[in-house]
PDB file of N, CA and C in Angstrom:
ATOM      1  N   UNK A   1     -65.330 -18.213  14.805  1.00  0.00           N
ATOM      2  CA  UNK A   1     -65.225 -18.229  13.364  1.00  0.00           C
ATOM      3  C   UNK A   1     -64.761 -19.612  12.912  1.00  0.00           C
ATOM      4  N   UNK A   2     -65.358 -20.113  11.869  1.00  0.00           N
ATOM      5  CA  UNK A   2     -65.021 -21.436  11.364  1.00  0.00           C
ATOM      6  C   UNK A   2     -63.778 -21.337  10.486  1.00  0.00           C
ATOM      7  N   UNK A   3     -62.826 -22.223  10.747  1.00  0.00           N
ATOM      8  CA  UNK A   3     -61.597 -22.247   9.962  1.00  0.00           C
ATOM      9  C   UNK A   3     -61.886 -22.866   8.594  1.00  0.00           C
ATOM     10  N   UNK A   4     -61.113 -22.508   7.565  1.00  0.00           N
ATOM     11  CA  UNK A   4     -61.352 -23.031   6.216  1.00  0.00           C
ATOM     12  C   UNK A   4     -61.355 -24.557   6.150  1.00  0.00           C
ATOM     13  N   UNK A   5     -60.486 -25.202   6.898  1.00  0.00           N
ATOM     14  CA  UNK A   5     -60.441 -26.666   6.895  1.00  0.00           C
ATOM     15  C   UNK A   5     -61.713 -27.272   7.449  1.00  0.00           C
ATOM     16  N   UNK A   6     -62.247 -26.665   8.517  1.00  0.00           N
ATOM     17  CA  UNK A   6     -63.493 -27.151   9.105  1.00  0.00           C
ATOM     18  C   UNK A   6     -64.652 -26.930   8.148  1.00  0.00           C
ATOM     19  N   UNK A   7     -64.678 -25.789   7.490  1.00  0.00           N
ATOM     20  CA  UNK A   7     -65.747 -25.485   6.546  1.00  0.00           C
ATOM     21  C   UNK A   7     -65.743 -26.480   5.391  1.00  0.00           C
ATOM     22  N   UNK A   8     -64.580 -26.822   4.898  1.00  0.00           N
ATOM     23  CA  UNK A   8     -64.468 -27.798   3.809  1.00  0.00           C
ATOM     24  C   UNK A   8     -65.004 -29.150   4.260  1.00  0.00           C
ATOM     25  N   UNK A   9     -64.658 -29.567   5.481  1.00  0.00           N
ATOM     26  CA  UNK A   9     -65.144 -30.834   6.026  1.00  0.00           C
ATOM     27  C   UNK A   9     -66.661 -30.825   6.127  1.00  0.00           C
ATOM     28  N   UNK A  10     -67.222 -29.744   6.660  1.00  0.00           N
ATOM     29  CA  UNK A  10     -68.674 -29.639   6.819  1.00  0.00           C
ATOM     30  C   UNK A  10     -69.363 -29.697   5.461  1.00  0.00           C
ATOM     31  N   UNK A  11     -68.842 -28.986   4.478  1.00  0.00           N
ATOM     32  CA  UNK A  11     -69.447 -28.997   3.147  1.00  0.00           C
ATOM     33  C   UNK A  11     -69.378 -30.381   2.511  1.00  0.00           C
ATOM     34  N   UNK A  12     -68.285 -31.101   2.719  1.00  0.00           N
ATOM     35  CA  UNK A  12     -68.175 -32.464   2.180  1.00  0.00           C
ATOM     36  C   UNK A  12     -69.203 -33.388   2.820  1.00  0.00           C
ATOM     37  N   UNK A  13     -69.376 -33.264   4.138  1.00  0.00           N
ATOM     38  CA  UNK A  13     -70.377 -34.079   4.825  1.00  0.00           C
ATOM     39  C   UNK A  13     -71.775 -33.723   4.335  1.00  0.00           C
ATOM     40  N   UNK A  14     -72.058 -32.436   4.199  1.00  0.00           N
ATOM     41  CA  UNK A  14     -73.369 -32.010   3.716  1.00  0.00           C
ATOM     42  C   UNK A  14     -73.652 -32.566   2.329  1.00  0.00           C
ATOM     43  N   UNK A  15     -72.678 -32.503   1.453  1.00  0.00           N
ATOM     44  CA  UNK A  15     -72.855 -32.990   0.092  1.00  0.00           C
ATOM     45  C   UNK A  15     -73.172 -34.482   0.084  1.00  0.00           C
ATOM     46  N   UNK A  16     -72.577 -35.226   1.016  1.00  0.00           N
ATOM     47  CA  UNK A  16     -72.778 -36.670   1.030  1.00  0.00           C
ATOM     48  C   UNK A  16     -74.086 -37.090   1.682  1.00  0.00           C
ATOM     49  N   UNK A  17     -74.673 -36.256   2.555  1.00  0.00           N
ATOM     50  CA  UNK A  17     -75.887 -36.673   3.256  1.00  0.00           C
ATOM     51  C   UNK A  17     -77.153 -35.965   2.807  1.00  0.00           C
ATOM     52  N   UNK A  18     -77.049 -34.863   2.080  1.00  0.00           N
ATOM     53  CA  UNK A  18     -78.253 -34.154   1.652  1.00  0.00           C
ATOM     54  C   UNK A  18     -78.982 -34.931   0.569  1.00  0.00           C
ATOM     55  N   UNK A  19     -80.295 -35.125   0.725  1.00  0.00           N
ATOM     56  CA  UNK A  19     -81.048 -35.792  -0.330  1.00  0.00           C
ATOM     57  C   UNK A  19     -81.156 -34.883  -1.548  1.00  0.00           C
ATOM     58  N   UNK A  20     -81.312 -35.488  -2.721  1.00  0.00           N
ATOM     59  CA  UNK A  20     -81.399 -34.718  -3.949  1.00  0.00           C
ATOM     60  C   UNK A  20     -82.647 -33.867  -4.025  1.00  0.00           C
ATOM     61  N   UNK A  21     -83.749 -34.370  -3.504  1.00  0.00           N
ATOM     62  CA  UNK A  21     -85.011 -33.633  -3.566  1.00  0.00           C
ATOM     63  C   UNK A  21     -85.638 -33.683  -2.172  1.00  0.00           C
ATOM     64  N   UNK A  22     -85.591 -32.607  -1.432  1.00  0.00           N
ATOM     65  CA  UNK A  22     -85.981 -32.608  -0.028  1.00  0.00           C
ATOM     66  C   UNK A  22     -87.466 -32.836   0.187  1.00  0.00           C
ATOM     67  N   UNK A  23     -88.329 -32.374  -0.714  1.00  0.00           N
ATOM     68  CA  UNK A  23     -89.761 -32.488  -0.497  1.00  0.00           C
ATOM     69  C   UNK A  23     -90.227 -33.934  -0.525  1.00  0.00           C
ATOM     70  N   UNK A  24     -89.560 -34.784  -1.288  1.00  0.00           N
ATOM     71  CA  UNK A  24     -89.965 -36.174  -1.409  1.00  0.00           C
ATOM     72  C   UNK A  24     -89.343 -37.046  -0.318  1.00  0.00           C
ATOM     73  N   UNK A  25     -88.396 -36.527   0.416  1.00  0.00           N
ATOM     74  CA  UNK A  25     -87.695 -37.321   1.416  1.00  0.00           C
ATOM     75  C   UNK A  25     -88.517 -37.438   2.696  1.00  0.00           C
ATOM     76  N   UNK A  26     -88.411 -38.597   3.335  1.00  0.00           N
ATOM     77  CA  UNK A  26     -89.035 -38.793   4.636  1.00  0.00           C
ATOM     78  C   UNK A  26     -88.143 -38.153   5.695  1.00  0.00           C
ATOM     79  N   UNK A  27     -88.729 -37.801   6.854  1.00  0.00           N
ATOM     80  CA  UNK A  27     -87.911 -37.197   7.915  1.00  0.00           C
ATOM     81  C   UNK A  27     -86.744 -38.106   8.313  1.00  0.00           C
ATOM     82  N   UNK A  28     -85.586 -37.510   8.422  1.00  0.00           N
ATOM     83  CA  UNK A  28     -84.374 -38.248   8.781  1.00  0.00           C
ATOM     84  C   UNK A  28     -83.687 -37.500   9.911  1.00  0.00           C
ATOM     85  N   UNK A  29     -83.287 -38.237  10.929  1.00  0.00           N
ATOM     86  CA  UNK A  29     -82.522 -37.666  12.035  1.00  0.00           C
ATOM     87  C   UNK A  29     -81.266 -38.509  12.198  1.00  0.00           C
ATOM     88  N   UNK A  30     -80.118 -37.890  12.000  1.00  0.00           N
ATOM     89  CA  UNK A  30     -78.851 -38.603  12.134  1.00  0.00           C
ATOM     90  C   UNK A  30     -77.917 -37.799  13.020  1.00  0.00           C
ATOM     91  N   UNK A  31     -77.057 -38.527  13.717  1.00  0.00           N
ATOM     92  CA  UNK A  31     -76.066 -37.890  14.576  1.00  0.00           C
ATOM     93  C   UNK A  31     -74.727 -38.576  14.329  1.00  0.00           C
ATOM     94  N   UNK A  32     -73.726 -37.779  13.999  1.00  0.00           N
ATOM     95  CA  UNK A  32     -72.385 -38.283  13.766  1.00  0.00           C
ATOM     96  C   UNK A  32     -71.488 -37.743  14.878  1.00  0.00           C
ATOM     97  N   UNK A  33     -70.784 -38.636  15.562  1.00  0.00           N
ATOM     98  CA  UNK A  33     -69.896 -38.242  16.659  1.00  0.00           C
ATOM     99  C   UNK A  33     -68.472 -38.656  16.294  1.00  0.00           C
ATOM    100  N   UNK A  34     -67.563 -37.704  16.359  1.00  0.00           N
ATOM    101  CA  UNK A  34     -66.161 -37.944  16.032  1.00  0.00           C
ATOM    102  C   UNK A  34     -65.306 -37.564  17.237  1.00  0.00           C
ATOM    103  N   UNK A  35     -64.427 -38.470  17.641  1.00  0.00           N
ATOM    104  CA  UNK A  35     -63.472 -38.172  18.701  1.00  0.00           C
ATOM    105  C   UNK A  35     -62.150 -37.803  18.040  1.00  0.00           C
ATOM    106  N   UNK A  36     -61.585 -36.705  18.459  1.00  0.00           N
ATOM    107  CA  UNK A  36     -60.398 -36.152  17.816  1.00  0.00           C
ATOM    108  C   UNK A  36     -59.180 -36.430  18.696  1.00  0.00           C
ATOM    109  N   UNK A  37     -58.157 -37.039  18.099  1.00  0.00           N
ATOM    110  CA  UNK A  37     -56.929 -37.360  18.816  1.00  0.00           C
ATOM    111  C   UNK A  37     -55.753 -36.643  18.172  1.00  0.00           C
ATOM    112  N   UNK A  38     -54.816 -36.252  18.994  1.00  0.00           N
ATOM    113  CA  UNK A  38     -53.588 -35.616  18.536  1.00  0.00           C
ATOM    114  C   UNK A  38     -52.427 -36.291  19.249  1.00  0.00           C
ATOM    115  N   UNK A  39     -51.557 -36.944  18.513  1.00  0.00           N
ATOM    116  CA  UNK A  39     -50.406 -37.679  19.072  1.00  0.00           C
ATOM    117  C   UNK A  39     -50.839 -38.657  20.155  1.00  0.00           C
ATOM    118  N   UNK A  40     -51.957 -39.327  19.947  1.00  0.00           N
ATOM    119  CA  UNK A  40     -52.443 -40.319  20.895  1.00  0.00           C
ATOM    120  C   UNK A  40     -53.217 -39.761  22.074  1.00  0.00           C
ATOM    121  N   UNK A  41     -53.343 -38.466  22.178  1.00  0.00           N
ATOM    122  CA  UNK A  41     -54.072 -37.826  23.275  1.00  0.00           C
ATOM    123  C   UNK A  41     -55.425 -37.364  22.750  1.00  0.00           C
ATOM    124  N   UNK A  42     -56.470 -37.681  23.493  1.00  0.00           N
ATOM    125  CA  UNK A  42     -57.796 -37.230  23.064  1.00  0.00           C
ATOM    126  C   UNK A  42     -57.875 -35.712  23.216  1.00  0.00           C
ATOM    127  N   UNK A  43     -58.041 -35.034  22.093  1.00  0.00           N
ATOM    128  CA  UNK A  43     -58.041 -33.571  22.083  1.00  0.00           C
ATOM    129  C   UNK A  43     -59.441 -32.991  22.151  1.00  0.00           C
ATOM    130  N   UNK A  44     -60.445 -33.751  21.736  1.00  0.00           N
ATOM    131  CA  UNK A  44     -61.798 -33.207  21.768  1.00  0.00           C
ATOM    132  C   UNK A  44     -62.796 -34.091  21.064  1.00  0.00           C
ATOM    133  N   UNK A  45     -63.948 -33.490  20.793  1.00  0.00           N
ATOM    134  CA  UNK A  45     -65.053 -34.218  20.174  1.00  0.00           C
ATOM    135  C   UNK A  45     -65.794 -33.283  19.233  1.00  0.00           C
ATOM    136  N   UNK A  46     -66.247 -33.827  18.115  1.00  0.00           N
ATOM    137  CA  UNK A  46     -67.073 -33.074  17.169  1.00  0.00           C
ATOM    138  C   UNK A  46     -68.367 -33.851  16.951  1.00  0.00           C
ATOM    139  N   UNK A  47     -69.492 -33.145  17.001  1.00  0.00           N
ATOM    140  CA  UNK A  47     -70.804 -33.770  16.821  1.00  0.00           C
ATOM    141  C   UNK A  47     -71.529 -33.041  15.707  1.00  0.00           C
ATOM    142  N   UNK A  48     -72.069 -33.803  14.758  1.00  0.00           N
ATOM    143  CA  UNK A  48     -72.850 -33.245  13.664  1.00  0.00           C
ATOM    144  C   UNK A  48     -74.246 -33.858  13.738  1.00  0.00           C
ATOM    145  N   UNK A  49     -75.267 -33.017  13.894  1.00  0.00           N
ATOM    146  CA  UNK A  49     -76.664 -33.457  13.905  1.00  0.00           C
ATOM    147  C   UNK A  49     -77.304 -33.051  12.592  1.00  0.00           C
ATOM    148  N   UNK A  50     -78.011 -33.993  11.973  1.00  0.00           N
ATOM    149  CA  UNK A  50     -78.658 -33.770  10.681  1.00  0.00           C
ATOM    150  C   UNK A  50     -80.129 -34.145  10.837  1.00  0.00           C
ATOM    151  N   UNK A  51     -81.023 -33.185  10.639  1.00  0.00           N
ATOM    152  CA  UNK A  51     -82.456 -33.421  10.797  1.00  0.00           C
ATOM    153  C   UNK A  51     -83.200 -32.878   9.594  1.00  0.00           C
ATOM    154  N   UNK A  52     -84.105 -33.699   9.049  1.00  0.00           N
ATOM    155  CA  UNK A  52     -84.952 -33.228   7.959  1.00  0.00           C
ATOM    156  C   UNK A  52     -86.394 -33.195   8.432  1.00  0.00           C
ATOM    157  N   UNK A  53     -87.149 -32.286   7.874  1.00  0.00           N
ATOM    158  CA  UNK A  53     -88.577 -32.159   8.146  1.00  0.00           C
ATOM    159  C   UNK A  53     -89.200 -31.504   6.924  1.00  0.00           C
ATOM    160  N   UNK A  54     -90.512 -31.300   6.971  1.00  0.00           N
ATOM    161  CA  UNK A  54     -91.176 -30.679   5.826  1.00  0.00           C
ATOM    162  C   UNK A  54     -90.698 -29.243   5.620  1.00  0.00           C
ATOM    163  N   UNK A  55     -90.188 -28.608   6.672  1.00  0.00           N
ATOM    164  CA  UNK A  55     -89.701 -27.234   6.580  1.00  0.00           C
ATOM    165  C   UNK A  55     -88.280 -27.112   6.075  1.00  0.00           C
ATOM    166  N   UNK A  56     -87.612 -28.231   5.794  1.00  0.00           N
ATOM    167  CA  UNK A  56     -86.248 -28.193   5.292  1.00  0.00           C
ATOM    168  C   UNK A  56     -85.306 -29.046   6.112  1.00  0.00           C
ATOM    169  N   UNK A  57     -84.040 -28.738   6.008  1.00  0.00           N
ATOM    170  CA  UNK A  57     -82.987 -29.496   6.678  1.00  0.00           C
ATOM    171  C   UNK A  57     -82.291 -28.589   7.683  1.00  0.00           C
ATOM    172  N   UNK A  58     -82.030 -29.122   8.869  1.00  0.00           N
ATOM    173  CA  UNK A  58     -81.259 -28.404   9.879  1.00  0.00           C
ATOM    174  C   UNK A  58     -80.000 -29.208  10.162  1.00  0.00           C
ATOM    175  N   UNK A  59     -78.865 -28.549  10.067  1.00  0.00           N
ATOM    176  CA  UNK A  59     -77.586 -29.187  10.339  1.00  0.00           C
ATOM    177  C   UNK A  59     -76.900 -28.395  11.441  1.00  0.00           C
ATOM    178  N   UNK A  60     -76.595 -29.079  12.528  1.00  0.00           N
ATOM    179  CA  UNK A  60     -75.930 -28.441  13.663  1.00  0.00           C
ATOM    180  C   UNK A  60     -74.605 -29.147  13.909  1.00  0.00           C
ATOM    181  N   UNK A  61     -73.574 -28.372  14.172  1.00  0.00           N
ATOM    182  CA  UNK A  61     -72.278 -28.948  14.510  1.00  0.00           C
ATOM    183  C   UNK A  61     -71.782 -28.324  15.807  1.00  0.00           C
ATOM    184  N   UNK A  62     -71.066 -29.127  16.570  1.00  0.00           N
ATOM    185  CA  UNK A  62     -70.466 -28.623  17.804  1.00  0.00           C
ATOM    186  C   UNK A  62     -69.116 -29.303  17.984  1.00  0.00           C
ATOM    187  N   UNK A  63     -68.114 -28.507  18.231  1.00  0.00           N
ATOM    188  CA  UNK A  63     -66.764 -29.012  18.493  1.00  0.00           C
ATOM    189  C   UNK A  63     -66.352 -28.555  19.881  1.00  0.00           C
ATOM    190  N   UNK A  64     -65.904 -29.489  20.698  1.00  0.00           N
ATOM    191  CA  UNK A  64     -65.467 -29.163  22.059  1.00  0.00           C
ATOM    192  C   UNK A  64     -64.110 -29.808  22.320  1.00  0.00           C
ATOM    193  N   UNK A  65     -63.325 -29.134  23.117  1.00  0.00           N
ATOM    194  CA  UNK A  65     -62.025 -29.685  23.493  1.00  0.00           C
ATOM    195  C   UNK A  65     -62.191 -30.572  24.720  1.00  0.00           C
ATOM    196  N   UNK A  66     -61.295 -31.536  24.864  1.00  0.00           N
ATOM    197  CA  UNK A  66     -61.284 -32.413  26.027  1.00  0.00           C
ATOM    198  C   UNK A  66     -60.860 -31.614  27.262  1.00  0.00           C
ATOM    199  N   UNK A  67     -61.149 -32.165  28.431  1.00  0.00           N
ATOM    200  CA  UNK A  67     -60.873 -31.456  29.687  1.00  0.00           C
ATOM    201  C   UNK A  67     -59.398 -31.066  29.812  1.00  0.00           C
ATOM    202  N   UNK A  68     -58.501 -31.997  29.492  1.00  0.00           N
ATOM    203  CA  UNK A  68     -57.071 -31.704  29.625  1.00  0.00           C
ATOM    204  C   UNK A  68     -56.639 -30.603  28.659  1.00  0.00           C
ATOM    205  N   UNK A  69     -57.087 -30.666  27.425  1.00  0.00           N
ATOM    206  CA  UNK A  69     -56.734 -29.654  26.423  1.00  0.00           C
ATOM    207  C   UNK A  69     -57.343 -28.303  26.790  1.00  0.00           C
ATOM    208  N   UNK A  70     -58.519 -28.319  27.411  1.00  0.00           N
ATOM    209  CA  UNK A  70     -59.183 -27.068  27.799  1.00  0.00           C
ATOM    210  C   UNK A  70     -58.380 -26.271  28.812  1.00  0.00           C
ATOM    211  N   UNK A  71     -57.483 -26.929  29.532  1.00  0.00           N
ATOM    212  CA  UNK A  71     -56.616 -26.196  30.459  1.00  0.00           C
ATOM    213  C   UNK A  71     -55.720 -25.215  29.711  1.00  0.00           C
ATOM    214  N   UNK A  72     -55.376 -25.554  28.461  1.00  0.00           N
ATOM    215  CA  UNK A  72     -54.483 -24.721  27.656  1.00  0.00           C
ATOM    216  C   UNK A  72     -55.235 -23.910  26.607  1.00  0.00           C
ATOM    217  N   UNK A  73     -56.208 -24.561  25.961  1.00  0.00           N
ATOM    218  CA  UNK A  73     -56.921 -23.913  24.853  1.00  0.00           C
ATOM    219  C   UNK A  73     -58.336 -24.480  24.788  1.00  0.00           C
ATOM    220  N   UNK A  74     -59.282 -23.750  25.336  1.00  0.00           N
ATOM    221  CA  UNK A  74     -60.662 -24.235  25.386  1.00  0.00           C
ATOM    222  C   UNK A  74     -61.365 -23.977  24.052  1.00  0.00           C
ATOM    223  N   UNK A  75     -62.051 -25.009  23.574  1.00  0.00           N
ATOM    224  CA  UNK A  75     -62.837 -24.908  22.343  1.00  0.00           C
ATOM    225  C   UNK A  75     -64.261 -25.346  22.650  1.00  0.00           C
ATOM    226  N   UNK A  76     -65.227 -24.521  22.279  1.00  0.00           N
ATOM    227  CA  UNK A  76     -66.648 -24.867  22.370  1.00  0.00           C
ATOM    228  C   UNK A  76     -67.362 -24.095  21.259  1.00  0.00           C
ATOM    229  N   UNK A  77     -67.263 -24.617  20.050  1.00  0.00           N
ATOM    230  CA  UNK A  77     -67.792 -23.939  18.867  1.00  0.00           C
ATOM    231  C   UNK A  77     -69.081 -24.607  18.402  1.00  0.00           C
ATOM    232  N   UNK A  78     -70.064 -23.785  18.061  1.00  0.00           N
ATOM    233  CA  UNK A  78     -71.356 -24.272  17.582  1.00  0.00           C
ATOM    234  C   UNK A  78     -71.686 -23.566  16.273  1.00  0.00           C
ATOM    235  N   UNK A  79     -72.188 -24.342  15.313  1.00  0.00           N
ATOM    236  CA  UNK A  79     -72.647 -23.772  14.042  1.00  0.00           C
ATOM    237  C   UNK A  79     -73.960 -24.458  13.675  1.00  0.00           C
ATOM    238  N   UNK A  80     -74.882 -23.687  13.108  1.00  0.00           N
ATOM    239  CA  UNK A  80     -76.185 -24.237  12.724  1.00  0.00           C
ATOM    240  C   UNK A  80     -76.567 -23.675  11.360  1.00  0.00           C
ATOM    241  N   UNK A  81     -77.006 -24.564  10.475  1.00  0.00           N
ATOM    242  CA  UNK A  81     -77.458 -24.161   9.144  1.00  0.00           C
ATOM    243  C   UNK A  81     -78.856 -24.713   8.918  1.00  0.00           C
ATOM    244  N   UNK A  82     -79.720 -23.887   8.338  1.00  0.00           N
ATOM    245  CA  UNK A  82     -81.074 -24.314   7.989  1.00  0.00           C
ATOM    246  C   UNK A  82     -81.230 -24.124   6.487  1.00  0.00           C
ATOM    247  N   UNK A  83     -81.644 -25.193   5.814  1.00  0.00           N
ATOM    248  CA  UNK A  83     -81.806 -25.162   4.364  1.00  0.00           C
ATOM    249  C   UNK A  83     -83.270 -25.417   4.038  1.00  0.00           C
ATOM    250  N   UNK A  84     -83.879 -24.501   3.294  1.00  0.00           N
ATOM    251  CA  UNK A  84     -85.281 -24.633   2.888  1.00  0.00           C
ATOM    252  C   UNK A  84     -85.449 -25.784   1.900  1.00  0.00           C
ATOM    253  N   UNK A  85     -86.693 -26.270   1.736  1.00  0.00           N
ATOM    254  CA  UNK A  85     -86.941 -27.363   0.787  1.00  0.00           C
ATOM    255  C   UNK A  85     -86.516 -27.047  -0.646  1.00  0.00           C
ATOM    256  N   UNK A  86     -86.453 -25.775  -1.013  1.00  0.00           N
ATOM    257  CA  UNK A  86     -86.026 -25.428  -2.372  1.00  0.00           C
ATOM    258  C   UNK A  86     -84.504 -25.460  -2.531  1.00  0.00           C
ATOM    259  N   UNK A  87     -83.784 -25.773  -1.441  1.00  0.00           N
ATOM    260  CA  UNK A  87     -82.334 -25.915  -1.506  1.00  0.00           C
ATOM    261  C   UNK A  87     -81.543 -24.686  -1.122  1.00  0.00           C
ATOM    262  N   UNK A  88     -82.223 -23.586  -0.808  1.00  0.00           N
ATOM    263  CA  UNK A  88     -81.531 -22.350  -0.449  1.00  0.00           C
ATOM    264  C   UNK A  88     -81.474 -22.194   1.065  1.00  0.00           C
ATOM    265  N   UNK A  89     -80.393 -21.607   1.578  1.00  0.00           N
ATOM    266  CA  UNK A  89     -80.306 -21.371   3.022  1.00  0.00           C
ATOM    267  C   UNK A  89     -81.260 -20.266   3.454  1.00  0.00           C
ATOM    268  N   UNK A  90     -81.616 -20.311   4.723  1.00  0.00           N
ATOM    269  CA  UNK A  90     -82.472 -19.250   5.281  1.00  0.00           C
ATOM    270  C   UNK A  90     -81.642 -18.073   5.683  1.00  0.00           C
TER     271      UNK A  90
END
């Protein structure tokens, strides 16, 4: 389950990268990689993939914990959203 803070972050990123009119946009493939640190220790990694095509936009996110953190609390979360050219989710 996605935590409210993560959902807010994802929505902010989506708002900043979604084109205003999807049908007129050329195909775009972007990948954003974020390394997450806590008190100087690498805690994990978050990856956001953004792909556009004539069928709409696909946004995939994956958050994983680092090997050391996984000994205590393993995280491997995946979320995928598909948005049709008319702007509505599938």
